[in-house]
Amino acid sequence: MTVFMNILFLFLLVCAVAVSFTKNLLNSILVYMSFSLVMALIWLMLESPDLAITEAAVGAGVTTVLFLVTLKKLYSVHTGKSRELLSAQQDVTAEETAAMQEASESMQVKEEGRTQEEQAAFASEQNAAAETGEEGKPDEH
């Protein structure tokens, strides 16, 4: 009987340490539930059935259910916020894409409206300005 009791105490210690270092909340809840069940067994072995029933009902039962409901609500709120952020990012991306397409089309229209001679003159002016460092000056057309 004492060997079994020592094993249960060792298991309690392992559960207490494990629940502290677990990164996943669901695993923490399950370890806590097992801790409560082992504690109920220890109370039973110490001939205290009223405490064993209370520990099993409250510690492993009600508290675990409340933790699981809370965890579910946390993840649903987190998922909802993630969906809102994702849809907002998609809206911004769609607007930016439309603006870039409009700018590209307007530049194409401007270039199509020029004659080849005007395009060549414009390109040579740009090259000359780049060589002399006068990029910031407006065109004199």
N, C-alpha and C. Protein backbone atom coordinates (compact mmCIF):
# COMPACT_ATOMS: atom_id res chain seq x y z
N MET A 1 0.81 -1.19 0.00
CA MET A 1 0.00 0.00 0.00
C MET A 1 0.86 1.27 0.00
N THR A 2 1.94 1.31 0.73
CA THR A 2 2.80 2.49 0.75
C THR A 2 3.53 2.68 -0.56
N VAL A 3 3.88 1.58 -1.22
CA VAL A 3 4.55 1.71 -2.52
C VAL A 3 3.59 2.36 -3.52
N PHE A 4 2.35 1.91 -3.53
CA PHE A 4 1.35 2.50 -4.43
C PHE A 4 1.10 3.97 -4.08
N MET A 5 1.07 4.27 -2.79
CA MET A 5 0.87 5.66 -2.35
C MET A 5 2.05 6.53 -2.79
N ASN A 6 3.26 6.03 -2.68
CA ASN A 6 4.44 6.78 -3.12
C ASN A 6 4.41 7.01 -4.63
N ILE A 7 3.97 6.01 -5.37
CA ILE A 7 3.85 6.17 -6.83
C ILE A 7 2.82 7.26 -7.14
N LEU A 8 1.70 7.27 -6.44
CA LEU A 8 0.69 8.32 -6.65
C LEU A 8 1.24 9.71 -6.30
N PHE A 9 1.97 9.81 -5.19
CA PHE A 9 2.58 11.09 -4.83
C PHE A 9 3.59 11.55 -5.90
N LEU A 10 4.37 10.60 -6.41
CA LEU A 10 5.31 10.93 -7.48
C LEU A 10 4.56 11.41 -8.72
N PHE A 11 3.46 10.73 -9.04
CA PHE A 11 2.65 11.13 -10.19
C PHE A 11 2.06 12.53 -9.98
N LEU A 12 1.65 12.84 -8.76
CA LEU A 12 1.16 14.20 -8.45
C LEU A 12 2.24 15.24 -8.70
N LEU A 13 3.44 14.94 -8.27
CA LEU A 13 4.56 15.86 -8.48
C LEU A 13 4.84 16.07 -9.97
N VAL A 14 4.82 14.98 -10.72
CA VAL A 14 5.05 15.06 -12.17
C VAL A 14 3.95 15.89 -12.83
N CYS A 15 2.70 15.67 -12.43
CA CYS A 15 1.59 16.45 -12.99
C CYS A 15 1.71 17.93 -12.67
N ALA A 16 2.10 18.25 -11.45
CA ALA A 16 2.24 19.65 -11.05
C ALA A 16 3.32 20.35 -11.88
N VAL A 17 4.42 19.68 -12.11
CA VAL A 17 5.49 20.27 -12.92
C VAL A 17 5.08 20.34 -14.39
N ALA A 18 4.44 19.28 -14.87
CA ALA A 18 4.06 19.23 -16.29
C ALA A 18 3.04 20.30 -16.64
N VAL A 19 2.08 20.56 -15.76
CA VAL A 19 1.07 21.58 -16.07
C VAL A 19 1.70 22.97 -16.11
N SER A 20 2.79 23.16 -15.41
CA SER A 20 3.47 24.46 -15.42
C SER A 20 4.26 24.69 -16.70
N PHE A 21 4.81 23.64 -17.27
CA PHE A 21 5.69 23.78 -18.43
C PHE A 21 5.02 23.46 -19.76
N THR A 22 3.76 23.08 -19.75
CA THR A 22 3.08 22.74 -20.99
C THR A 22 2.74 24.01 -21.75
N LYS A 23 3.03 24.03 -23.04
CA LYS A 23 2.74 25.21 -23.87
C LYS A 23 1.31 25.18 -24.39
N ASN A 24 0.76 24.00 -24.64
CA ASN A 24 -0.58 23.86 -25.18
C ASN A 24 -1.59 23.90 -24.03
N LEU A 25 -2.60 24.78 -24.14
CA LEU A 25 -3.57 24.93 -23.07
C LEU A 25 -4.44 23.69 -22.89
N LEU A 26 -4.78 23.03 -23.96
CA LEU A 26 -5.59 21.82 -23.85
C LEU A 26 -4.84 20.73 -23.08
N ASN A 27 -3.57 20.58 -23.36
CA ASN A 27 -2.76 19.61 -22.62
C ASN A 27 -2.68 19.98 -21.14
N SER A 28 -2.59 21.27 -20.85
CA SER A 28 -2.56 21.71 -19.45
C SER A 28 -3.85 21.34 -18.72
N ILE A 29 -4.97 21.51 -19.40
CA ILE A 29 -6.25 21.16 -18.79
C ILE A 29 -6.33 19.66 -18.53
N LEU A 30 -5.85 18.85 -19.47
CA LEU A 30 -5.89 17.39 -19.29
C LEU A 30 -4.96 16.94 -18.17
N VAL A 31 -3.81 17.56 -18.06
CA VAL A 31 -2.89 17.22 -16.97
C VAL A 31 -3.50 17.62 -15.62
N TYR A 32 -4.15 18.79 -15.58
CA TYR A 32 -4.83 19.22 -14.35
C TYR A 32 -5.93 18.23 -13.96
N MET A 33 -6.67 17.73 -14.95
CA MET A 33 -7.72 16.77 -14.67
C MET A 33 -7.14 15.48 -14.09
N SER A 34 -6.04 15.02 -14.66
CA SER A 34 -5.41 13.80 -14.14
C SER A 34 -4.87 14.03 -12.72
N PHE A 35 -4.36 15.23 -12.46
CA PHE A 35 -3.91 15.57 -11.12
C PHE A 35 -5.07 15.44 -10.12
N SER A 36 -6.23 15.96 -10.48
CA SER A 36 -7.39 15.89 -9.59
C SER A 36 -7.85 14.45 -9.37
N LEU A 37 -7.81 13.65 -10.44
CA LEU A 37 -8.21 12.25 -10.28
C LEU A 37 -7.25 11.49 -9.37
N VAL A 38 -5.96 11.72 -9.51
CA VAL A 38 -4.98 11.06 -8.64
C VAL A 38 -5.15 11.54 -7.21
N MET A 39 -5.42 12.82 -7.04
CA MET A 39 -5.66 13.34 -5.70
C MET A 39 -6.90 12.70 -5.07
N ALA A 40 -7.93 12.46 -5.89
CA ALA A 40 -9.12 11.77 -5.38
C ALA A 40 -8.77 10.35 -4.94
N LEU A 41 -7.91 9.67 -5.70
CA LEU A 41 -7.47 8.33 -5.30
C LEU A 41 -6.70 8.37 -3.98
N ILE A 42 -5.86 9.38 -3.84
CA ILE A 42 -5.10 9.51 -2.58
C ILE A 42 -6.03 9.75 -1.41
N TRP A 43 -7.03 10.61 -1.57
CA TRP A 43 -8.00 10.84 -0.50
C TRP A 43 -8.76 9.55 -0.15
N LEU A 44 -9.05 8.77 -1.18
CA LEU A 44 -9.74 7.49 -0.94
C LEU A 44 -8.85 6.53 -0.15
N MET A 45 -7.56 6.50 -0.51
CA MET A 45 -6.63 5.62 0.21
C MET A 45 -6.39 6.09 1.64
N LEU A 46 -6.55 7.38 1.89
CA LEU A 46 -6.41 7.91 3.24
C LEU A 46 -7.72 7.78 4.03
N GLU A 47 -8.65 7.02 3.49
CA GLU A 47 -9.93 6.73 4.12
C GLU A 47 -10.75 7.99 4.39
N SER A 48 -10.79 8.82 3.37
CA SER A 48 -11.60 10.02 3.44
C SER A 48 -12.47 10.09 2.17
N PRO A 49 -13.52 9.27 2.12
CA PRO A 49 -14.31 9.18 0.90
C PRO A 49 -15.06 10.48 0.56
N ASP A 50 -15.45 11.26 1.55
CA ASP A 50 -16.15 12.51 1.27
C ASP A 50 -15.25 13.49 0.51
N LEU A 51 -13.98 13.59 0.90
CA LEU A 51 -13.04 14.44 0.17
C LEU A 51 -12.72 13.87 -1.22
N ALA A 52 -12.66 12.55 -1.32
CA ALA A 52 -12.39 11.92 -2.61
C ALA A 52 -13.50 12.22 -3.61
N ILE A 53 -14.75 12.11 -3.16
CA ILE A 53 -15.88 12.40 -4.05
C ILE A 53 -15.89 13.87 -4.44
N THR A 54 -15.64 14.74 -3.48
CA THR A 54 -15.62 16.17 -3.76
C THR A 54 -14.50 16.52 -4.75
N GLU A 55 -13.32 15.96 -4.54
CA GLU A 55 -12.19 16.22 -5.44
C GLU A 55 -12.49 15.71 -6.85
N ALA A 56 -13.07 14.54 -6.93
CA ALA A 56 -13.40 13.99 -8.25
C ALA A 56 -14.48 14.82 -8.94
N ALA A 57 -15.50 15.22 -8.21
CA ALA A 57 -16.61 15.96 -8.82
C ALA A 57 -16.21 17.39 -9.18
N VAL A 58 -15.58 18.07 -8.22
CA VAL A 58 -15.25 19.48 -8.45
C VAL A 58 -13.95 19.63 -9.24
N GLY A 59 -12.89 18.97 -8.77
CA GLY A 59 -11.58 19.15 -9.40
C GLY A 59 -11.50 18.57 -10.79
N ALA A 60 -11.92 17.31 -10.95
CA ALA A 60 -11.80 16.67 -12.25
C ALA A 60 -13.02 16.90 -13.12
N GLY A 61 -14.17 17.16 -12.51
CA GLY A 61 -15.40 17.30 -13.29
C GLY A 61 -15.73 18.72 -13.68
N VAL A 62 -16.24 19.48 -12.71
CA VAL A 62 -16.77 20.81 -13.00
C VAL A 62 -15.68 21.77 -13.48
N THR A 63 -14.57 21.79 -12.77
CA THR A 63 -13.49 22.73 -13.13
C THR A 63 -12.94 22.43 -14.53
N THR A 64 -12.79 21.16 -14.85
CA THR A 64 -12.28 20.79 -16.18
C THR A 64 -13.26 21.22 -17.27
N VAL A 65 -14.54 21.01 -17.05
CA VAL A 65 -15.54 21.43 -18.02
C VAL A 65 -15.52 22.95 -18.20
N LEU A 66 -15.42 23.68 -17.09
CA LEU A 66 -15.36 25.15 -17.20
C LEU A 66 -14.10 25.61 -17.96
N PHE A 67 -12.97 24.97 -17.69
CA PHE A 67 -11.74 25.30 -18.42
C PHE A 67 -11.89 25.01 -19.91
N LEU A 68 -12.51 23.88 -20.25
CA LEU A 68 -12.68 23.53 -21.66
C LEU A 68 -13.62 24.50 -22.38
N VAL A 69 -14.69 24.91 -21.71
CA VAL A 69 -15.61 25.89 -22.31
C VAL A 69 -14.90 27.22 -22.52
N THR A 70 -14.12 27.63 -21.53
CA THR A 70 -13.37 28.88 -21.65
C THR A 70 -12.36 28.81 -22.78
N LEU A 71 -11.68 27.68 -22.90
CA LEU A 71 -10.71 27.51 -23.98
C LEU A 71 -11.39 27.57 -25.34
N LYS A 72 -12.56 26.96 -25.45
CA LYS A 72 -13.29 26.99 -26.71
C LYS A 72 -13.69 28.41 -27.06
N LYS A 73 -14.16 29.17 -26.07
CA LYS A 73 -14.54 30.56 -26.33
C LYS A 73 -13.33 31.42 -26.70
N LEU A 74 -12.19 31.16 -26.07
CA LEU A 74 -10.98 31.91 -26.42
C LEU A 74 -10.59 31.66 -27.87
N TYR A 75 -10.63 30.42 -28.29
CA TYR A 75 -10.24 30.11 -29.66
C TYR A 75 -11.25 30.64 -30.66
N SER A 76 -12.54 30.67 -30.31
CA SER A 76 -13.52 31.22 -31.25
C SER A 76 -13.35 32.72 -31.39
N VAL A 77 -13.04 33.42 -30.30
CA VAL A 77 -12.79 34.86 -30.38
C VAL A 77 -11.53 35.12 -31.18
N HIS A 78 -10.48 34.33 -30.92
CA HIS A 78 -9.22 34.49 -31.64
C HIS A 78 -9.40 34.23 -33.12
N THR A 79 -10.15 33.19 -33.46
CA THR A 79 -10.39 32.86 -34.87
C THR A 79 -11.21 33.95 -35.54
N GLY A 80 -12.19 34.50 -34.84
CA GLY A 80 -13.00 35.58 -35.40
C GLY A 80 -12.17 36.81 -35.70
N LYS A 81 -11.28 37.18 -34.78
CA LYS A 81 -10.41 38.33 -35.02
C LYS A 81 -9.47 38.07 -36.18
N SER A 82 -8.98 36.85 -36.29
CA SER A 82 -8.08 36.52 -37.40
C SER A 82 -8.81 36.64 -38.72
N ARG A 83 -10.07 36.21 -38.76
CA ARG A 83 -10.85 36.32 -39.99
C ARG A 83 -11.06 37.78 -40.37
N GLU A 84 -11.36 38.63 -39.36
CA GLU A 84 -11.56 40.05 -39.64
C GLU A 84 -10.28 40.69 -40.18
N LEU A 85 -9.15 40.37 -39.58
CA LEU A 85 -7.87 40.92 -40.05
C LEU A 85 -7.56 40.45 -41.46
N LEU A 86 -7.82 39.18 -41.73
CA LEU A 86 -7.54 38.63 -43.05
C LEU A 86 -8.40 39.30 -44.11
N SER A 87 -9.69 39.49 -43.82
CA SER A 87 -10.56 40.14 -44.79
C SER A 87 -10.15 41.60 -45.00
N ALA A 88 -9.72 42.28 -43.94
CA ALA A 88 -9.25 43.67 -44.08
C ALA A 88 -8.00 43.73 -44.95
N GLN A 89 -7.09 42.77 -44.75
CA GLN A 89 -5.88 42.74 -45.57
C GLN A 89 -6.23 42.48 -47.02
N GLN A 90 -7.19 41.60 -47.28
CA GLN A 90 -7.59 41.31 -48.65
C GLN A 90 -8.22 42.53 -49.29
N ASP A 91 -9.03 43.30 -48.54
CA ASP A 91 -9.63 44.51 -49.08
C ASP A 91 -8.56 45.52 -49.45
N VAL A 92 -7.57 45.73 -48.58
CA VAL A 92 -6.49 46.67 -48.86
C VAL A 92 -5.69 46.21 -50.07
N THR A 93 -5.41 44.92 -50.14
CA THR A 93 -4.66 44.40 -51.26
C THR A 93 -5.42 44.59 -52.56
N ALA A 94 -6.73 44.39 -52.55
CA ALA A 94 -7.53 44.57 -53.75
C ALA A 94 -7.53 46.03 -54.18
N GLU A 95 -7.63 46.95 -53.21
CA GLU A 95 -7.61 48.37 -53.53
C GLU A 95 -6.26 48.78 -54.10
N GLU A 96 -5.17 48.30 -53.51
CA GLU A 96 -3.84 48.63 -54.01
C GLU A 96 -3.64 48.08 -55.42
N THR A 97 -4.11 46.88 -55.66
CA THR A 97 -3.98 46.28 -56.98
C THR A 97 -4.74 47.10 -58.02
N ALA A 98 -5.96 47.51 -57.68
CA ALA A 98 -6.75 48.32 -58.61
C ALA A 98 -6.07 49.66 -58.89
N ALA A 99 -5.51 50.29 -57.87
CA ALA A 99 -4.82 51.57 -58.06
C ALA A 99 -3.59 51.41 -58.94
N MET A 100 -2.84 50.34 -58.74
CA MET A 100 -1.65 50.10 -59.57
C MET A 100 -2.05 49.82 -61.02
N GLN A 101 -3.15 49.10 -61.24
CA GLN A 101 -3.59 48.83 -62.60
C GLN A 101 -4.02 50.12 -63.29
N GLU A 102 -4.73 51.00 -62.57
CA GLU A 102 -5.14 52.28 -63.15
C GLU A 102 -3.94 53.13 -63.52
N ALA A 103 -2.94 53.18 -62.65
CA ALA A 103 -1.75 53.97 -62.93
C ALA A 103 -1.01 53.42 -64.14
N SER A 104 -0.93 52.10 -64.24
CA SER A 104 -0.26 51.47 -65.38
C SER A 104 -1.00 51.78 -66.68
N GLU A 105 -2.32 51.70 -66.64
CA GLU A 105 -3.12 51.99 -67.84
C GLU A 105 -2.97 53.45 -68.27
N SER A 106 -2.95 54.37 -67.30
CA SER A 106 -2.83 55.79 -67.65
C SER A 106 -1.46 56.08 -68.26
N MET A 107 -0.42 55.39 -67.77
CA MET A 107 0.91 55.60 -68.35
C MET A 107 0.96 55.05 -69.77
N GLN A 108 0.29 53.94 -70.00
CA GLN A 108 0.26 53.37 -71.35
C GLN A 108 -0.48 54.29 -72.31
N VAL A 109 -1.57 54.89 -71.85
CA VAL A 109 -2.34 55.82 -72.69
C VAL A 109 -1.49 57.03 -73.03
N LYS A 110 -0.74 57.56 -72.05
CA LYS A 110 0.11 58.72 -72.30
C LYS A 110 1.18 58.39 -73.34
N GLU A 111 1.80 57.21 -73.22
CA GLU A 111 2.86 56.84 -74.14
C GLU A 111 2.31 56.54 -75.53
N GLU A 112 1.12 56.00 -75.63
CA GLU A 112 0.53 55.71 -76.93
C GLU A 112 0.16 57.00 -77.66
N GLY A 113 -0.16 58.06 -76.92
CA GLY A 113 -0.56 59.33 -77.51
C GLY A 113 0.62 60.09 -78.12
N ARG A 114 1.83 59.76 -77.75
CA ARG A 114 3.01 60.46 -78.28
C ARG A 114 3.44 59.82 -79.60
N THR A 115 4.07 60.63 -80.42
CA THR A 115 4.67 60.08 -81.65
C THR A 115 6.01 59.48 -81.30
N GLN A 116 6.54 58.75 -82.21
CA GLN A 116 7.84 58.12 -81.97
C GLN A 116 8.93 59.17 -81.75
N GLU A 117 8.83 60.28 -82.47
CA GLU A 117 9.84 61.33 -82.31
C GLU A 117 9.75 61.96 -80.93
N GLU A 118 8.51 62.18 -80.44
CA GLU A 118 8.35 62.76 -79.12
C GLU A 118 8.87 61.81 -78.04
N GLN A 119 8.63 60.50 -78.24
CA GLN A 119 9.11 59.51 -77.28
C GLN A 119 10.63 59.48 -77.25
N ALA A 120 11.26 59.55 -78.43
CA ALA A 120 12.71 59.54 -78.49
C ALA A 120 13.28 60.80 -77.84
N ALA A 121 12.65 61.96 -78.09
CA ALA A 121 13.11 63.21 -77.49
C ALA A 121 12.96 63.16 -75.97
N PHE A 122 11.84 62.62 -75.50
CA PHE A 122 11.60 62.51 -74.07
C PHE A 122 12.64 61.60 -73.42
N ALA A 123 12.94 60.47 -74.07
CA ALA A 123 13.92 59.52 -73.54
C ALA A 123 15.30 60.15 -73.50
N SER A 124 15.69 60.92 -74.56
CA SER A 124 17.00 61.56 -74.56
C SER A 124 17.08 62.64 -73.48
N GLU A 125 15.98 63.37 -73.25
CA GLU A 125 15.96 64.37 -72.17
C GLU A 125 16.13 63.71 -70.80
N GLN A 126 15.46 62.59 -70.63
CA GLN A 126 15.58 61.88 -69.37
C GLN A 126 17.00 61.37 -69.15
N ASN A 127 17.63 60.84 -70.19
CA ASN A 127 19.01 60.37 -70.10
C ASN A 127 19.96 61.52 -69.79
N ALA A 128 19.77 62.65 -70.46
CA ALA A 128 20.63 63.81 -70.22
C ALA A 128 20.45 64.32 -68.79
N ALA A 129 19.22 64.36 -68.33
CA ALA A 129 18.96 64.83 -66.97
C ALA A 129 19.58 63.89 -65.96
N ALA A 130 19.53 62.60 -66.23
CA ALA A 130 20.11 61.63 -65.31
C ALA A 130 21.63 61.77 -65.27
N GLU A 131 22.25 62.08 -66.40
CA GLU A 131 23.70 62.23 -66.45
C GLU A 131 24.16 63.50 -65.73
N THR A 132 23.38 64.57 -65.86
CA THR A 132 23.78 65.83 -65.25
C THR A 132 23.26 65.98 -63.82
N GLY A 133 22.36 65.09 -63.41
CA GLY A 133 21.84 65.14 -62.05
C GLY A 133 20.68 66.10 -61.90
N GLU A 134 19.99 66.43 -62.97
CA GLU A 134 18.87 67.35 -62.94
C GLU A 134 17.56 66.60 -63.03
N GLU A 135 17.41 65.54 -62.26
CA GLU A 135 16.20 64.73 -62.35
C GLU A 135 15.00 65.44 -61.76
N GLY A 136 15.18 66.32 -60.80
CA GLY A 136 14.08 66.96 -60.11
C GLY A 136 13.44 68.11 -60.87
N LYS A 137 14.06 68.60 -61.97
CA LYS A 137 13.53 69.75 -62.69
C LYS A 137 12.35 69.33 -63.57
N PRO A 138 11.33 70.17 -63.68
CA PRO A 138 10.17 69.82 -64.52
C PRO A 138 10.53 69.97 -65.99
N ASP A 139 9.72 69.27 -66.83
CA ASP A 139 9.92 69.32 -68.27
C ASP A 139 9.50 70.69 -68.79
N GLU A 140 10.12 71.14 -69.90
CA GLU A 140 9.85 72.46 -70.48
C GLU A 140 9.07 72.33 -71.76
N HIS A 141 8.17 71.40 -71.88
CA HIS A 141 7.39 71.21 -73.10
C HIS A 141 6.27 72.16 -73.17
